[in-house]
PDB file of N, CA and C in Angstrom:
ATOM      1  N   MET A   1     -15.160  15.863  13.010  1.00  0.00           N
ATOM      2  CA  MET A   1     -14.380  14.803  12.412  1.00  0.00           C
ATOM      3  C   MET A   1     -12.900  15.064  12.690  1.00  0.00           C
ATOM      4  N   SER A   2     -12.172  14.027  13.079  1.00  0.00           N
ATOM      5  CA  SER A   2     -10.750  14.188  13.352  1.00  0.00           C
ATOM      6  C   SER A   2      -9.960  14.197  12.046  1.00  0.00           C
ATOM      7  N   ALA A   3      -8.704  14.565  12.164  1.00  0.00           N
ATOM      8  CA  ALA A   3      -7.822  14.625  10.996  1.00  0.00           C
ATOM      9  C   ALA A   3      -7.629  13.229  10.425  1.00  0.00           C
ATOM     10  N   PRO A   4      -7.484  13.121   9.113  1.00  0.00           N
ATOM     11  CA  PRO A   4      -7.236  11.819   8.505  1.00  0.00           C
ATOM     12  C   PRO A   4      -5.933  11.206   9.025  1.00  0.00           C
ATOM     13  N   ILE A   5      -5.886   9.900   9.011  1.00  0.00           N
ATOM     14  CA  ILE A   5      -4.659   9.177   9.349  1.00  0.00           C
ATOM     15  C   ILE A   5      -3.920   8.929   8.045  1.00  0.00           C
ATOM     16  N   ARG A   6      -2.697   9.368   7.995  1.00  0.00           N
ATOM     17  CA  ARG A   6      -1.879   9.146   6.797  1.00  0.00           C
ATOM     18  C   ARG A   6      -0.915   8.002   7.071  1.00  0.00           C
ATOM     19  N   VAL A   7      -0.702   7.189   6.044  1.00  0.00           N
ATOM     20  CA  VAL A   7       0.162   6.030   6.155  1.00  0.00           C
ATOM     21  C   VAL A   7       1.063   5.979   4.935  1.00  0.00           C
ATOM     22  N   VAL A   8       2.346   5.707   5.176  1.00  0.00           N
ATOM     23  CA  VAL A   8       3.298   5.462   4.102  1.00  0.00           C
ATOM     24  C   VAL A   8       3.848   4.067   4.312  1.00  0.00           C
ATOM     25  N   ALA A   9       3.855   3.279   3.254  1.00  0.00           N
ATOM     26  CA  ALA A   9       4.429   1.933   3.326  1.00  0.00           C
ATOM     27  C   ALA A   9       5.483   1.795   2.245  1.00  0.00           C
ATOM     28  N   THR A  10       6.595   1.165   2.587  1.00  0.00           N
ATOM     29  CA  THR A  10       7.618   0.861   1.599  1.00  0.00           C
ATOM     30  C   THR A  10       7.683  -0.649   1.424  1.00  0.00           C
ATOM     31  N   LEU A  11       7.804  -1.050   0.179  1.00  0.00           N
ATOM     32  CA  LEU A  11       7.798  -2.468  -0.173  1.00  0.00           C
ATOM     33  C   LEU A  11       8.993  -2.735  -1.085  1.00  0.00           C
ATOM     34  N   PRO A  12      10.017  -3.390  -0.583  1.00  0.00           N
ATOM     35  CA  PRO A  12      11.158  -3.729  -1.432  1.00  0.00           C
ATOM     36  C   PRO A  12      10.901  -5.053  -2.151  1.00  0.00           C
ATOM     37  N   VAL A  13      10.975  -5.034  -3.468  1.00  0.00           N
ATOM     38  CA  VAL A  13      10.802  -6.269  -4.226  1.00  0.00           C
ATOM     39  C   VAL A  13      12.046  -6.523  -5.082  1.00  0.00           C
ATOM     40  N   ARG A  14      12.185  -7.761  -5.488  1.00  0.00           N
ATOM     41  CA  ARG A  14      13.305  -8.093  -6.361  1.00  0.00           C
ATOM     42  C   ARG A  14      13.161  -7.280  -7.647  1.00  0.00           C
ATOM     43  N   PRO A  15      14.204  -6.579  -8.059  1.00  0.00           N
ATOM     44  CA  PRO A  15      14.093  -5.734  -9.255  1.00  0.00           C
ATOM     45  C   PRO A  15      13.616  -6.486 -10.494  1.00  0.00           C
ATOM     46  N   ASP A  16      13.936  -7.762 -10.603  1.00  0.00           N
ATOM     47  CA  ASP A  16      13.491  -8.521 -11.771  1.00  0.00           C
ATOM     48  C   ASP A  16      11.995  -8.832 -11.720  1.00  0.00           C
ATOM     49  N   GLN A  17      11.343  -8.515 -10.612  1.00  0.00           N
ATOM     50  CA  GLN A  17       9.906  -8.743 -10.442  1.00  0.00           C
ATOM     51  C   GLN A  17       9.119  -7.438 -10.356  1.00  0.00           C
ATOM     52  N   ALA A  18       9.744  -6.342 -10.802  1.00  0.00           N
ATOM     53  CA  ALA A  18       9.107  -5.026 -10.685  1.00  0.00           C
ATOM     54  C   ALA A  18       7.785  -4.951 -11.451  1.00  0.00           C
ATOM     55  N   GLU A  19       7.696  -5.578 -12.602  1.00  0.00           N
ATOM     56  CA  GLU A  19       6.459  -5.507 -13.386  1.00  0.00           C
ATOM     57  C   GLU A  19       5.300  -6.156 -12.627  1.00  0.00           C
ATOM     58  N   ALA A  20       5.547  -7.295 -11.995  1.00  0.00           N
ATOM     59  CA  ALA A  20       4.499  -7.952 -11.202  1.00  0.00           C
ATOM     60  C   ALA A  20       4.082  -7.060 -10.032  1.00  0.00           C
ATOM     61  N   ALA A  21       5.045  -6.397  -9.397  1.00  0.00           N
ATOM     62  CA  ALA A  21       4.740  -5.497  -8.286  1.00  0.00           C
ATOM     63  C   ALA A  21       3.925  -4.301  -8.766  1.00  0.00           C
ATOM     64  N   ARG A  22       4.301  -3.742  -9.908  1.00  0.00           N
ATOM     65  CA  ARG A  22       3.546  -2.607 -10.454  1.00  0.00           C
ATOM     66  C   ARG A  22       2.083  -2.976 -10.652  1.00  0.00           C
ATOM     67  N   ALA A  23       1.855  -4.119 -11.264  1.00  0.00           N
ATOM     68  CA  ALA A  23       0.482  -4.542 -11.550  1.00  0.00           C
ATOM     69  C   ALA A  23      -0.296  -4.799 -10.257  1.00  0.00           C
ATOM     70  N   ALA A  24       0.324  -5.496  -9.312  1.00  0.00           N
ATOM     71  CA  ALA A  24      -0.361  -5.809  -8.049  1.00  0.00           C
ATOM     72  C   ALA A  24      -0.685  -4.546  -7.274  1.00  0.00           C
ATOM     73  N   LEU A  25       0.246  -3.596  -7.233  1.00  0.00           N
ATOM     74  CA  LEU A  25       0.016  -2.370  -6.471  1.00  0.00           C
ATOM     75  C   LEU A  25      -0.984  -1.444  -7.154  1.00  0.00           C
ATOM     76  N   ALA A  26      -0.982  -1.415  -8.477  1.00  0.00           N
ATOM     77  CA  ALA A  26      -1.975  -0.600  -9.187  1.00  0.00           C
ATOM     78  C   ALA A  26      -3.382  -1.146  -8.927  1.00  0.00           C
ATOM     79  N   THR A  27      -3.519  -2.469  -8.955  1.00  0.00           N
ATOM     80  CA  THR A  27      -4.809  -3.088  -8.672  1.00  0.00           C
ATOM     81  C   THR A  27      -5.228  -2.835  -7.229  1.00  0.00           C
ATOM     82  N   LEU A  28      -4.283  -2.967  -6.301  1.00  0.00           N
ATOM     83  CA  LEU A  28      -4.564  -2.725  -4.885  1.00  0.00           C
ATOM     84  C   LEU A  28      -5.020  -1.286  -4.654  1.00  0.00           C
ATOM     85  N   ALA A  29      -4.324  -0.339  -5.243  1.00  0.00           N
ATOM     86  CA  ALA A  29      -4.681   1.072  -5.056  1.00  0.00           C
ATOM     87  C   ALA A  29      -6.088   1.346  -5.582  1.00  0.00           C
ATOM     88  N   ALA A  30      -6.387   0.851  -6.776  1.00  0.00           N
ATOM     89  CA  ALA A  30      -7.697   1.097  -7.368  1.00  0.00           C
ATOM     90  C   ALA A  30      -8.806   0.450  -6.534  1.00  0.00           C
ATOM     91  N   ALA A  31      -8.592  -0.791  -6.093  1.00  0.00           N
ATOM     92  CA  ALA A  31      -9.607  -1.488  -5.296  1.00  0.00           C
ATOM     93  C   ALA A  31      -9.798  -0.819  -3.940  1.00  0.00           C
ATOM     94  N   SER A  32      -8.717  -0.351  -3.346  1.00  0.00           N
ATOM     95  CA  SER A  32      -8.818   0.307  -2.044  1.00  0.00           C
ATOM     96  C   SER A  32      -9.657   1.572  -2.136  1.00  0.00           C
ATOM     97  N   LEU A  33      -9.409   2.366  -3.169  1.00  0.00           N
ATOM     98  CA  LEU A  33     -10.191   3.597  -3.357  1.00  0.00           C
ATOM     99  C   LEU A  33     -11.649   3.292  -3.662  1.00  0.00           C
ATOM    100  N   ALA A  34     -11.894   2.283  -4.451  1.00  0.00           N
ATOM    101  CA  ALA A  34     -13.256   1.978  -4.869  1.00  0.00           C
ATOM    102  C   ALA A  34     -14.063   1.243  -3.800  1.00  0.00           C
ATOM    103  N   ASP A  35     -13.409   0.356  -3.064  1.00  0.00           N
ATOM    104  CA  ASP A  35     -14.147  -0.577  -2.214  1.00  0.00           C
ATOM    105  C   ASP A  35     -14.019  -0.354  -0.712  1.00  0.00           C
ATOM    106  N   ASP A  36     -12.978   0.324  -0.262  1.00  0.00           N
ATOM    107  CA  ASP A  36     -12.734   0.441   1.175  1.00  0.00           C
ATOM    108  C   ASP A  36     -13.375   1.697   1.743  1.00  0.00           C
ATOM    109  N   GLU A  37     -14.388   1.494   2.587  1.00  0.00           N
ATOM    110  CA  GLU A  37     -15.018   2.627   3.250  1.00  0.00           C
ATOM    111  C   GLU A  37     -13.984   3.332   4.117  1.00  0.00           C
ATOM    112  N   GLY A  38     -13.911   4.634   4.002  1.00  0.00           N
ATOM    113  CA  GLY A  38     -12.971   5.414   4.800  1.00  0.00           C
ATOM    114  C   GLY A  38     -11.625   5.634   4.136  1.00  0.00           C
ATOM    115  N   CYS A  39     -11.441   5.107   2.923  1.00  0.00           N
ATOM    116  CA  CYS A  39     -10.188   5.354   2.196  1.00  0.00           C
ATOM    117  C   CYS A  39     -10.319   6.679   1.453  1.00  0.00           C
ATOM    118  N   LEU A  40      -9.493   7.638   1.824  1.00  0.00           N
ATOM    119  CA  LEU A  40      -9.532   8.975   1.225  1.00  0.00           C
ATOM    120  C   LEU A  40      -8.509   9.127   0.101  1.00  0.00           C
ATOM    121  N   GLN A  41      -7.422   8.388   0.188  1.00  0.00           N
ATOM    122  CA  GLN A  41      -6.343   8.456  -0.808  1.00  0.00           C
ATOM    123  C   GLN A  41      -5.579   7.148  -0.747  1.00  0.00           C
ATOM    124  N   TYR A  42      -5.179   6.642  -1.915  1.00  0.00           N
ATOM    125  CA  TYR A  42      -4.335   5.457  -1.959  1.00  0.00           C
ATOM    126  C   TYR A  42      -3.560   5.522  -3.260  1.00  0.00           C
ATOM    127  N   ASP A  43      -2.306   5.920  -3.176  1.00  0.00           N
ATOM    128  CA  ASP A  43      -1.454   6.053  -4.356  1.00  0.00           C
ATOM    129  C   ASP A  43      -0.264   5.119  -4.218  1.00  0.00           C
ATOM    130  N   ALA A  44       0.141   4.535  -5.322  1.00  0.00           N
ATOM    131  CA  ALA A  44       1.312   3.654  -5.338  1.00  0.00           C
ATOM    132  C   ALA A  44       2.364   4.263  -6.256  1.00  0.00           C
ATOM    133  N   PHE A  45       3.604   4.202  -5.800  1.00  0.00           N
ATOM    134  CA  PHE A  45       4.724   4.779  -6.534  1.00  0.00           C
ATOM    135  C   PHE A  45       5.877   3.796  -6.593  1.00  0.00           C
ATOM    136  N   GLU A  46       6.724   3.989  -7.592  1.00  0.00           N
ATOM    137  CA  GLU A  46       7.971   3.242  -7.717  1.00  0.00           C
ATOM    138  C   GLU A  46       9.113   4.241  -7.628  1.00  0.00           C
ATOM    139  N   SER A  47      10.121   3.907  -6.846  1.00  0.00           N
ATOM    140  CA  SER A  47      11.258   4.812  -6.706  1.00  0.00           C
ATOM    141  C   SER A  47      11.958   5.000  -8.053  1.00  0.00           C
ATOM    142  N   ALA A  48      12.300   6.231  -8.354  1.00  0.00           N
ATOM    143  CA  ALA A  48      13.045   6.542  -9.570  1.00  0.00           C
ATOM    144  C   ALA A  48      14.544   6.314  -9.381  1.00  0.00           C
ATOM    145  N   THR A  49      14.984   6.117  -8.133  1.00  0.00           N
ATOM    146  CA  THR A  49      16.418   5.974  -7.871  1.00  0.00           C
ATOM    147  C   THR A  49      16.814   4.655  -7.222  1.00  0.00           C
ATOM    148  N   ALA A  50      15.845   3.914  -6.696  1.00  0.00           N
ATOM    149  CA  ALA A  50      16.145   2.641  -6.016  1.00  0.00           C
ATOM    150  C   ALA A  50      15.323   1.526  -6.667  1.00  0.00           C
ATOM    151  N   PRO A  51      15.888   0.835  -7.638  1.00  0.00           N
ATOM    152  CA  PRO A  51      15.138  -0.212  -8.336  1.00  0.00           C
ATOM    153  C   PRO A  51      14.532  -1.224  -7.365  1.00  0.00           C
ATOM    154  N   GLY A  52      13.267  -1.547  -7.613  1.00  0.00           N
ATOM    155  CA  GLY A  52      12.593  -2.518  -6.774  1.00  0.00           C
ATOM    156  C   GLY A  52      11.974  -1.961  -5.506  1.00  0.00           C
ATOM    157  N   THR A  53      12.043  -0.656  -5.318  1.00  0.00           N
ATOM    158  CA  THR A  53      11.449  -0.047  -4.128  1.00  0.00           C
ATOM    159  C   THR A  53      10.142   0.625  -4.514  1.00  0.00           C
ATOM    160  N   PHE A  54       9.070   0.175  -3.872  1.00  0.00           N
ATOM    161  CA  PHE A  54       7.741   0.714  -4.112  1.00  0.00           C
ATOM    162  C   PHE A  54       7.235   1.357  -2.827  1.00  0.00           C
ATOM    163  N   VAL A  55       6.397   2.376  -2.981  1.00  0.00           N
ATOM    164  CA  VAL A  55       5.883   3.131  -1.839  1.00  0.00           C
ATOM    165  C   VAL A  55       4.396   3.367  -2.056  1.00  0.00           C
ATOM    166  N   THR A  56       3.608   3.154  -1.009  1.00  0.00           N
ATOM    167  CA  THR A  56       2.212   3.581  -1.053  1.00  0.00           C
ATOM    168  C   THR A  56       2.046   4.754  -0.094  1.00  0.00           C
ATOM    169  N   ILE A  57       1.217   5.684  -0.505  1.00  0.00           N
ATOM    170  CA  ILE A  57       0.867   6.835   0.326  1.00  0.00           C
ATOM    171  C   ILE A  57      -0.652   6.824   0.442  1.00  0.00           C
ATOM    172  N   GLU A  58      -1.118   6.722   1.683  1.00  0.00           N
ATOM    173  CA  GLU A  58      -2.533   6.495   1.935  1.00  0.00           C
ATOM    174  C   GLU A  58      -3.070   7.526   2.924  1.00  0.00           C
ATOM    175  N   SER A  59      -4.359   7.743   2.857  1.00  0.00           N
ATOM    176  CA  SER A  59      -5.047   8.597   3.819  1.00  0.00           C
ATOM    177  C   SER A  59      -6.373   7.926   4.147  1.00  0.00           C
ATOM    178  N   TRP A  60      -6.649   7.832   5.474  1.00  0.00           N
ATOM    179  CA  TRP A  60      -7.810   7.096   5.967  1.00  0.00           C
ATOM    180  C   TRP A  60      -8.598   7.946   6.951  1.00  0.00           C
ATOM    181  N   GLU A  61      -9.911   7.718   7.001  1.00  0.00           N
ATOM    182  CA  GLU A  61     -10.766   8.441   7.938  1.00  0.00           C
ATOM    183  C   GLU A  61     -10.533   8.021   9.380  1.00  0.00           C
ATOM    184  N   SER A  62     -10.149   6.742   9.600  1.00  0.00           N
ATOM    185  CA  SER A  62     -10.034   6.249  10.965  1.00  0.00           C
ATOM    186  C   SER A  62      -9.163   4.998  11.014  1.00  0.00           C
ATOM    187  N   GLN A  63      -8.759   4.638  12.236  1.00  0.00           N
ATOM    188  CA  GLN A  63      -8.022   3.392  12.422  1.00  0.00           C
ATOM    189  C   GLN A  63      -8.903   2.198  12.069  1.00  0.00           C
ATOM    190  N   ALA A  64     -10.194   2.294  12.349  1.00  0.00           N
ATOM    191  CA  ALA A  64     -11.114   1.210  11.997  1.00  0.00           C
ATOM    192  C   ALA A  64     -11.132   0.974  10.487  1.00  0.00           C
ATOM    193  N   ALA A  65     -11.052   2.044   9.705  1.00  0.00           N
ATOM    194  CA  ALA A  65     -11.016   1.898   8.245  1.00  0.00           C
ATOM    195  C   ALA A  65      -9.734   1.200   7.806  1.00  0.00           C
ATOM    196  N   ILE A  66      -8.619   1.542   8.441  1.00  0.00           N
ATOM    197  CA  ILE A  66      -7.341   0.877   8.130  1.00  0.00           C
ATOM    198  C   ILE A  66      -7.425  -0.602   8.484  1.00  0.00           C
ATOM    199  N   ASP A  67      -7.964  -0.885   9.654  1.00  0.00           N
ATOM    200  CA  ASP A  67      -8.073  -2.276  10.098  1.00  0.00           C
ATOM    201  C   ASP A  67      -8.937  -3.088   9.132  1.00  0.00           C
ATOM    202  N   ALA A  68     -10.053  -2.525   8.694  1.00  0.00           N
ATOM    203  CA  ALA A  68     -10.923  -3.213   7.742  1.00  0.00           C
ATOM    204  C   ALA A  68     -10.191  -3.436   6.421  1.00  0.00           C
ATOM    205  N   HIS A  69      -9.453  -2.428   5.977  1.00  0.00           N
ATOM    206  CA  HIS A  69      -8.667  -2.539   4.740  1.00  0.00           C
ATOM    207  C   HIS A  69      -7.694  -3.706   4.815  1.00  0.00           C
ATOM    208  N   MET A  70      -7.014  -3.833   5.942  1.00  0.00           N
ATOM    209  CA  MET A  70      -6.006  -4.891   6.072  1.00  0.00           C
ATOM    210  C   MET A  70      -6.623  -6.286   5.969  1.00  0.00           C
ATOM    211  N   GLY A  71      -7.914  -6.411   6.240  1.00  0.00           N
ATOM    212  CA  GLY A  71      -8.587  -7.690   6.129  1.00  0.00           C
ATOM    213  C   GLY A  71      -9.349  -7.879   4.824  1.00  0.00           C
ATOM    214  N   ALA A  72      -9.246  -6.914   3.929  1.00  0.00           N
ATOM    215  CA  ALA A  72     -10.000  -6.968   2.677  1.00  0.00           C
ATOM    216  C   ALA A  72      -9.405  -7.988   1.707  1.00  0.00           C
ATOM    217  N   PRO A  73     -10.246  -8.610   0.891  1.00  0.00           N
ATOM    218  CA  PRO A  73      -9.753  -9.596  -0.070  1.00  0.00           C
ATOM    219  C   PRO A  73      -8.707  -9.047  -1.032  1.00  0.00           C
ATOM    220  N   HIS A  74      -8.843  -7.776  -1.440  1.00  0.00           N
ATOM    221  CA  HIS A  74      -7.878  -7.238  -2.398  1.00  0.00           C
ATOM    222  C   HIS A  74      -6.488  -7.061  -1.775  1.00  0.00           C
ATOM    223  N   VAL A  75      -6.407  -6.890  -0.461  1.00  0.00           N
ATOM    224  CA  VAL A  75      -5.102  -6.837   0.210  1.00  0.00           C
ATOM    225  C   VAL A  75      -4.476  -8.230   0.204  1.00  0.00           C
ATOM    226  N   ALA A  76      -5.281  -9.237   0.518  1.00  0.00           N
ATOM    227  CA  ALA A  76      -4.770 -10.615   0.489  1.00  0.00           C
ATOM    228  C   ALA A  76      -4.308 -11.000  -0.916  1.00  0.00           C
ATOM    229  N   GLU A  77      -5.077 -10.602  -1.923  1.00  0.00           N
ATOM    230  CA  GLU A  77      -4.694 -10.902  -3.308  1.00  0.00           C
ATOM    231  C   GLU A  77      -3.372 -10.229  -3.670  1.00  0.00           C
ATOM    232  N   ALA A  78      -3.217  -8.968  -3.284  1.00  0.00           N
ATOM    233  CA  ALA A  78      -1.977  -8.247  -3.594  1.00  0.00           C
ATOM    234  C   ALA A  78      -0.787  -8.913  -2.923  1.00  0.00           C
ATOM    235  N   PHE A  79      -0.955  -9.282  -1.652  1.00  0.00           N
ATOM    236  CA  PHE A  79       0.175  -9.903  -0.962  1.00  0.00           C
ATOM    237  C   PHE A  79       0.399 -11.340  -1.392  1.00  0.00           C
ATOM    238  N   GLY A  80      -0.597 -11.953  -2.032  1.00  0.00           N
ATOM    239  CA  GLY A  80      -0.366 -13.240  -2.664  1.00  0.00           C
ATOM    240  C   GLY A  80       0.642 -13.130  -3.791  1.00  0.00           C
ATOM    241  N   VAL A  81       0.615 -11.998  -4.489  1.00  0.00           N
ATOM    242  CA  VAL A  81       1.587 -11.722  -5.553  1.00  0.00           C
ATOM    243  C   VAL A  81       2.882 -11.184  -4.953  1.00  0.00           C
ATOM    244  N   LEU A  82       2.764 -10.219  -4.058  1.00  0.00           N
ATOM    245  CA  LEU A  82       3.949  -9.525  -3.541  1.00  0.00           C
ATOM    246  C   LEU A  82       4.773 -10.377  -2.580  1.00  0.00           C
ATOM    247  N   GLY A  83       4.129 -11.180  -1.757  1.00  0.00           N
ATOM    248  CA  GLY A  83       4.850 -11.958  -0.753  1.00  0.00           C
ATOM    249  C   GLY A  83       6.054 -12.710  -1.289  1.00  0.00           C
ATOM    250  N   PRO A  84       5.888 -13.505  -2.351  1.00  0.00           N
ATOM    251  CA  PRO A  84       7.011 -14.287  -2.863  1.00  0.00           C
ATOM    252  C   PRO A  84       8.103 -13.465  -3.540  1.00  0.00           C
ATOM    253  N   ILE A  85       7.806 -12.217  -3.881  1.00  0.00           N
ATOM    254  CA  ILE A  85       8.815 -11.420  -4.599  1.00  0.00           C
ATOM    255  C   ILE A  85       9.437 -10.321  -3.735  1.00  0.00           C
ATOM    256  N   LEU A  86       9.057 -10.279  -2.468  1.00  0.00           N
ATOM    257  CA  LEU A  86       9.655  -9.280  -1.571  1.00  0.00           C
ATOM    258  C   LEU A  86      11.156  -9.541  -1.409  1.00  0.00           C
ATOM    259  N   ALA A  87      11.898  -8.464  -1.343  1.00  0.00           N
ATOM    260  CA  ALA A  87      13.347  -8.542  -1.157  1.00  0.00           C
ATOM    261  C   ALA A  87      13.745  -8.063   0.232  1.00  0.00           C
ATOM    262  N   GLY A  88      12.792  -7.924   1.113  1.00  0.00           N
ATOM    263  CA  GLY A  88      13.032  -7.436   2.471  1.00  0.00           C
ATOM    264  C   GLY A  88      11.696  -7.226   3.149  1.00  0.00           C
ATOM    265  N   ASP A  89      11.732  -6.582   4.295  1.00  0.00           N
ATOM    266  CA  ASP A  89      10.519  -6.360   5.076  1.00  0.00           C
ATOM    267  C   ASP A  89       9.710  -5.187   4.543  1.00  0.00           C
ATOM    268  N   VAL A  90       8.391  -5.333   4.592  1.00  0.00           N
ATOM    269  CA  VAL A  90       7.488  -4.222   4.313  1.00  0.00           C
ATOM    270  C   VAL A  90       7.495  -3.336   5.548  1.00  0.00           C
ATOM    271  N   ALA A  91       7.652  -2.037   5.352  1.00  0.00           N
ATOM    272  CA  ALA A  91       7.642  -1.083   6.469  1.00  0.00           C
ATOM    273  C   ALA A  91       6.395  -0.209   6.331  1.00  0.00           C
ATOM    274  N   ILE A  92       5.532  -0.270   7.347  1.00  0.00           N
ATOM    275  CA  ILE A  92       4.304   0.517   7.346  1.00  0.00           C
ATOM    276  C   ILE A  92       4.444   1.601   8.404  1.00  0.00           C
ATOM    277  N   HIS A  93       4.276   2.863   7.980  1.00  0.00           N
ATOM    278  CA  HIS A  93       4.486   4.000   8.864  1.00  0.00           C
ATOM    279  C   HIS A  93       3.209   4.843   8.965  1.00  0.00           C
ATOM    280  N   PRO A  94       2.403   4.653  10.025  1.00  0.00           N
ATOM    281  CA  PRO A  94       1.347   5.631  10.295  1.00  0.00           C
ATOM    282  C   PRO A  94       2.018   6.941  10.707  1.00  0.00           C
ATOM    283  N   LEU A  95       1.532   8.038  10.210  1.00  0.00           N
ATOM    284  CA  LEU A  95       2.211   9.315  10.427  1.00  0.00           C
ATOM    285  C   LEU A  95       1.417  10.217  11.366  1.00  0.00           C
ATOM    286  N   ARG A  96       2.151  11.038  12.110  1.00  0.00           N
ATOM    287  CA  ARG A  96       1.595  12.097  12.952  1.00  0.00           C
ATOM    288  C   ARG A  96       2.126  13.429  12.446  1.00  0.00           C
ATOM    289  N   ALA A  97       1.262  14.402  12.387  1.00  0.00           N
ATOM    290  CA  ALA A  97       1.702  15.737  11.984  1.00  0.00           C
ATOM    291  C   ALA A  97       2.637  16.329  13.032  1.00  0.00           C
ATOM    292  N   VAL A  98       3.583  17.106  12.585  1.00  0.00           N
ATOM    293  CA  VAL A  98       4.509  17.785  13.503  1.00  0.00           C
ATOM    294  C   VAL A  98       4.250  19.270  13.484  1.00  0.00           C
TER     295      VAL A  98
END
């Protein structure tokens, strides 16, 4: 088995919409862990120093698992909430070990 693929995503939302983002990301994280085959870790965080900045830290068995996740209903539901409250671009960073 190859090494897991780790992904970090940053999501800037309007600070006045932080509660909606918290709820959407908590639901997304829980559904991803429970329902997505190949999801090894999915944690959502809120920056303690940059209001409205949220970060997910994920670990996946394969690129195919990531691709399936991106098409999952719970991802669409989360972005149905997050899309209108974004304050900038979502940045998704697949990581390579150094």
